[in-house]
C-alpha atoms as a PDB file:
ATOM      1  CA  UNK A   1     -26.398 402.112 -54.048  1.00  0.00           C
ATOM      2  CA  UNK A   2     -27.116 401.487 -50.583  1.00  0.00           C
ATOM      3  CA  UNK A   3     -28.003 397.900 -51.757  1.00  0.00           C
ATOM      4  CA  UNK A   4     -24.738 397.495 -53.138  1.00  0.00           C
ATOM      5  CA  UNK A   5     -23.005 398.923 -49.746  1.00  0.00           C
ATOM      6  CA  UNK A   6     -25.634 396.414 -47.635  1.00  0.00           C
ATOM      7  CA  UNK A   7     -24.588 393.440 -49.935  1.00  0.00           C
ATOM      8  CA  UNK A   8     -20.951 394.150 -49.127  1.00  0.00           C
ATOM      9  CA  UNK A   9     -21.312 394.814 -45.938  1.00  0.00           C
ATOM     10  CA  UNK A  10     -23.167 391.626 -45.293  1.00  0.00           C
ATOM     11  CA  UNK A  11     -20.410 389.674 -47.270  1.00  0.00           C
ATOM     12  CA  UNK A  12     -17.651 391.264 -45.430  1.00  0.00           C
ATOM     13  CA  UNK A  13     -19.593 390.242 -42.093  1.00  0.00           C
ATOM     14  CA  UNK A  14     -20.136 386.724 -43.490  1.00  0.00           C
ATOM     15  CA  UNK A  15     -16.273 386.332 -44.438  1.00  0.00           C
ATOM     16  CA  UNK A  16     -15.383 387.504 -40.664  1.00  0.00           C
ATOM     17  CA  UNK A  17     -17.291 384.912 -39.301  1.00  0.00           C
ATOM     18  CA  UNK A  18     -16.418 382.409 -41.740  1.00  0.00           C
ATOM     19  CA  UNK A  19     -12.659 383.336 -40.744  1.00  0.00           C
ATOM     20  CA  UNK A  20     -13.476 382.960 -36.979  1.00  0.00           C
ATOM     21  CA  UNK A  21     -15.175 379.656 -37.266  1.00  0.00           C
ATOM     22  CA  UNK A  22     -11.972 378.701 -39.501  1.00  0.00           C
ATOM     23  CA  UNK A  23      -9.555 379.788 -36.756  1.00  0.00           C
ATOM     24  CA  UNK A  24     -11.775 377.895 -34.207  1.00  0.00           C
ATOM     25  CA  UNK A  25     -11.845 374.735 -35.995  1.00  0.00           C
ATOM     26  CA  UNK A  26      -7.850 374.797 -36.502  1.00  0.00           C
ATOM     27  CA  UNK A  27      -7.368 375.370 -32.847  1.00  0.00           C
ATOM     28  CA  UNK A  28      -9.708 372.516 -32.039  1.00  0.00           C
ATOM     29  CA  UNK A  29      -7.746 370.438 -34.301  1.00  0.00           C
ATOM     30  CA  UNK A  30      -4.379 371.569 -32.816  1.00  0.00           C
ATOM     31  CA  UNK A  31      -5.873 370.682 -29.583  1.00  0.00           C
ATOM     32  CA  UNK A  32      -7.026 366.944 -30.486  1.00  0.00           C
ATOM     33  CA  UNK A  33      -3.505 366.693 -32.193  1.00  0.00           C
ATOM     34  CA  UNK A  34      -1.852 367.310 -29.044  1.00  0.00           C
ATOM     35  CA  UNK A  35      -4.254 364.946 -26.918  1.00  0.00           C
ATOM     36  CA  UNK A  36      -3.494 362.476 -29.529  1.00  0.00           C
ATOM     37  CA  UNK A  37       0.364 363.012 -29.317  1.00  0.00           C
ATOM     38  CA  UNK A  38       0.016 363.344 -25.335  1.00  0.00           C
ATOM     39  CA  UNK A  39      -1.794 360.037 -25.424  1.00  0.00           C
ATOM     40  CA  UNK A  40       0.396 358.148 -27.660  1.00  0.00           C
ATOM     41  CA  UNK A  41       3.718 359.214 -25.328  1.00  0.00           C
ATOM     42  CA  UNK A  42       1.968 357.874 -22.354  1.00  0.00           C
ATOM     43  CA  UNK A  43       1.212 354.603 -24.128  1.00  0.00           C
ATOM     44  CA  UNK A  44       5.042 354.423 -24.934  1.00  0.00           C
ATOM     45  CA  UNK A  45       5.806 355.365 -21.416  1.00  0.00           C
ATOM     46  CA  UNK A  46       3.384 352.305 -20.058  1.00  0.00           C
ATOM     47  CA  UNK A  47       4.926 349.964 -22.392  1.00  0.00           C
ATOM     48  CA  UNK A  48       8.328 350.884 -21.465  1.00  0.00           C
ATOM     49  CA  UNK A  49       7.544 350.362 -18.097  1.00  0.00           C
ATOM     50  CA  UNK A  50       6.242 347.071 -18.451  1.00  0.00           C
ATOM     51  CA  UNK A  51       9.707 346.002 -20.511  1.00  0.00           C
ATOM     52  CA  UNK A  52      11.306 347.552 -17.110  1.00  0.00           C
ATOM     53  CA  UNK A  53       9.305 344.828 -15.222  1.00  0.00           C
ATOM     54  CA  UNK A  54      10.338 342.151 -17.384  1.00  0.00           C
ATOM     55  CA  UNK A  55      13.988 343.085 -16.653  1.00  0.00           C
ATOM     56  CA  UNK A  56      13.554 343.274 -12.998  1.00  0.00           C
ATOM     57  CA  UNK A  57      11.867 339.759 -13.196  1.00  0.00           C
ATOM     58  CA  UNK A  58      14.793 338.644 -15.202  1.00  0.00           C
ATOM     59  CA  UNK A  59      17.197 340.144 -12.863  1.00  0.00           C
ATOM     60  CA  UNK A  60      15.569 338.237  -9.909  1.00  0.00           C
ATOM     61  CA  UNK A  61      15.766 334.949 -12.008  1.00  0.00           C
ATOM     62  CA  UNK A  62      19.292 335.192 -12.285  1.00  0.00           C
ATOM     63  CA  UNK A  63      20.048 336.009  -8.410  1.00  0.00           C
ATOM     64  CA  UNK A  64      17.427 333.207  -7.581  1.00  0.00           C
ATOM     65  CA  UNK A  65      19.453 330.722  -9.997  1.00  0.00           C
ATOM     66  CA  UNK A  66      22.300 331.494  -8.172  1.00  0.00           C
ATOM     67  CA  UNK A  67      20.860 330.828  -4.877  1.00  0.00           C
ATOM     68  CA  UNK A  68      19.951 327.668  -5.861  1.00  0.00           C
ATOM     69  CA  UNK A  69      23.708 327.362  -7.122  1.00  0.00           C
ATOM     70  CA  UNK A  70      24.704 328.280  -3.616  1.00  0.00           C
ATOM     71  CA  UNK A  71      22.236 326.111  -1.924  1.00  0.00           C
ATOM     72  CA  UNK A  72      20.155 329.087  -0.345  1.00  0.00           C
ATOM     73  CA  UNK A  73      16.935 328.124  -1.845  1.00  0.00           C
ATOM     74  CA  UNK A  74      15.919 324.697  -3.540  1.00  0.00           C
ATOM     75  CA  UNK A  75      15.608 324.893  -7.540  1.00  0.00           C
ATOM     76  CA  UNK A  76      14.652 324.690 -10.174  1.00  0.00           C
ATOM     77  CA  UNK A  77      13.223 328.316 -10.955  1.00  0.00           C
ATOM     78  CA  UNK A  78       9.977 327.625 -12.969  1.00  0.00           C
ATOM     79  CA  UNK A  79       8.657 331.379 -13.060  1.00  0.00           C
ATOM     80  CA  UNK A  80       9.391 334.735 -11.983  1.00  0.00           C
ATOM     81  CA  UNK A  81       6.315 337.243 -11.549  1.00  0.00           C
ATOM     82  CA  UNK A  82       6.587 340.774  -9.639  1.00  0.00           C
ATOM     83  CA  UNK A  83       3.859 342.671  -8.671  1.00  0.00           C
ATOM     84  CA  UNK A  84       3.242 346.462  -7.526  1.00  0.00           C
ATOM     85  CA  UNK A  85       2.331 346.954  -3.907  1.00  0.00           C
ATOM     86  CA  UNK A  86       0.377 349.332  -1.580  1.00  0.00           C
ATOM     87  CA  UNK A  87      -1.525 350.369  -4.491  1.00  0.00           C
ATOM     88  CA  UNK A  88       1.270 350.721  -6.686  1.00  0.00           C
ATOM     89  CA  UNK A  89       0.837 350.584 -10.306  1.00  0.00           C
ATOM     90  CA  UNK A  90       3.086 350.777 -13.650  1.00  0.00           C
ATOM     91  CA  UNK A  91       0.366 352.781 -15.304  1.00  0.00           C
ATOM     92  CA  UNK A  92       0.284 355.506 -13.199  1.00  0.00           C
ATOM     93  CA  UNK A  93       2.792 358.035 -14.653  1.00  0.00           C
ATOM     94  CA  UNK A  94       3.106 360.178 -11.965  1.00  0.00           C
ATOM     95  CA  UNK A  95       4.610 357.610  -9.647  1.00  0.00           C
ATOM     96  CA  UNK A  96       8.103 357.991  -9.246  1.00  0.00           C
ATOM     97  CA  UNK A  97       8.908 354.687  -7.657  1.00  0.00           C
ATOM     98  CA  UNK A  98       7.435 351.376  -7.406  1.00  0.00           C
ATOM     99  CA  UNK A  99       7.973 348.735  -4.984  1.00  0.00           C
ATOM    100  CA  UNK A 100       7.276 345.215  -6.228  1.00  0.00           C
ATOM    101  CA  UNK A 101       7.221 342.057  -4.526  1.00  0.00           C
ATOM    102  CA  UNK A 102       8.385 339.115  -6.607  1.00  0.00           C
ATOM    103  CA  UNK A 103       7.190 335.707  -6.226  1.00  0.00           C
ATOM    104  CA  UNK A 104       9.986 332.973  -7.430  1.00  0.00           C
ATOM    105  CA  UNK A 105       8.342 329.540  -8.008  1.00  0.00           C
ATOM    106  CA  UNK A 106      10.169 326.441  -7.642  1.00  0.00           C
ATOM    107  CA  UNK A 107       7.638 323.783  -7.331  1.00  0.00           C
ATOM    108  CA  UNK A 108       4.350 323.337  -9.444  1.00  0.00           C
ATOM    109  CA  UNK A 109       1.835 321.969  -6.954  1.00  0.00           C
ATOM    110  CA  UNK A 110      -0.188 320.472  -9.743  1.00  0.00           C
ATOM    111  CA  UNK A 111      -3.447 321.945  -9.055  1.00  0.00           C
ATOM    112  CA  UNK A 112      -2.728 325.499 -10.197  1.00  0.00           C
ATOM    113  CA  UNK A 113      -0.765 326.689  -7.663  1.00  0.00           C
ATOM    114  CA  UNK A 114       2.836 327.111  -7.171  1.00  0.00           C
ATOM    115  CA  UNK A 115       5.073 327.279  -4.245  1.00  0.00           C
ATOM    116  CA  UNK A 116       8.454 329.439  -3.820  1.00  0.00           C
ATOM    117  CA  UNK A 117      10.040 332.246  -2.515  1.00  0.00           C
ATOM    118  CA  UNK A 118       9.559 336.096  -2.161  1.00  0.00           C
ATOM    119  CA  UNK A 119      12.011 338.483  -3.760  1.00  0.00           C
ATOM    120  CA  UNK A 120      11.438 342.423  -3.722  1.00  0.00           C
ATOM    121  CA  UNK A 121      12.706 345.303  -6.008  1.00  0.00           C
ATOM    122  CA  UNK A 122      12.254 348.904  -5.862  1.00  0.00           C
ATOM    123  CA  UNK A 123      12.064 350.652  -9.335  1.00  0.00           C
ATOM    124  CA  UNK A 124      12.825 354.301  -9.921  1.00  0.00           C
ATOM    125  CA  UNK A 125      10.971 355.349 -12.896  1.00  0.00           C
ATOM    126  CA  UNK A 126      12.912 358.572 -13.227  1.00  0.00           C
ATOM    127  CA  UNK A 127      16.137 357.118 -13.621  1.00  0.00           C
ATOM    128  CA  UNK A 128      15.396 354.022 -14.749  1.00  0.00           C
ATOM    129  CA  UNK A 129      17.541 352.232 -12.500  1.00  0.00           C
ATOM    130  CA  UNK A 130      16.163 349.527  -9.983  1.00  0.00           C
ATOM    131  CA  UNK A 131      17.138 347.572  -6.908  1.00  0.00           C
ATOM    132  CA  UNK A 132      16.256 344.039  -5.573  1.00  0.00           C
ATOM    133  CA  UNK A 133      16.829 341.649  -3.418  1.00  0.00           C
ATOM    134  CA  UNK A 134      15.820 338.386  -1.336  1.00  0.00           C
ATOM    135  CA  UNK A 135      12.970 338.354   0.675  1.00  0.00           C
ATOM    136  CA  UNK A 136       9.530 340.299   1.061  1.00  0.00           C
ATOM    137  CA  UNK A 137       9.939 344.048   0.904  1.00  0.00           C
END
């Protein structure tokens, strides 16, 4: 009778330990799934920021082409590229705004370099709106 009680107590103790282990495993799985969802959301935000930079570059190209038409700068516009200033980054999702220096190339120098003009842009990541203009920021 005592052996049966001891076996039953041991089985209950083992079942309780298994339940605790199962609960810990489930919590770990939930935490890992949350981390994966967070990482995926951050990656989508970074990709969205790159799309926004592409939009900024497109807007500046249109502005520069207008400036060519008005005789403000020489054309043709070959390429536009915008880079964050002052340690800014499109990867840092904590940044609410990023200031860009944009280079509008109008001459291929034939040696792997280009000449052109500087434009600027400021992107507000929270609102999704940006401003841009002629000249360095």
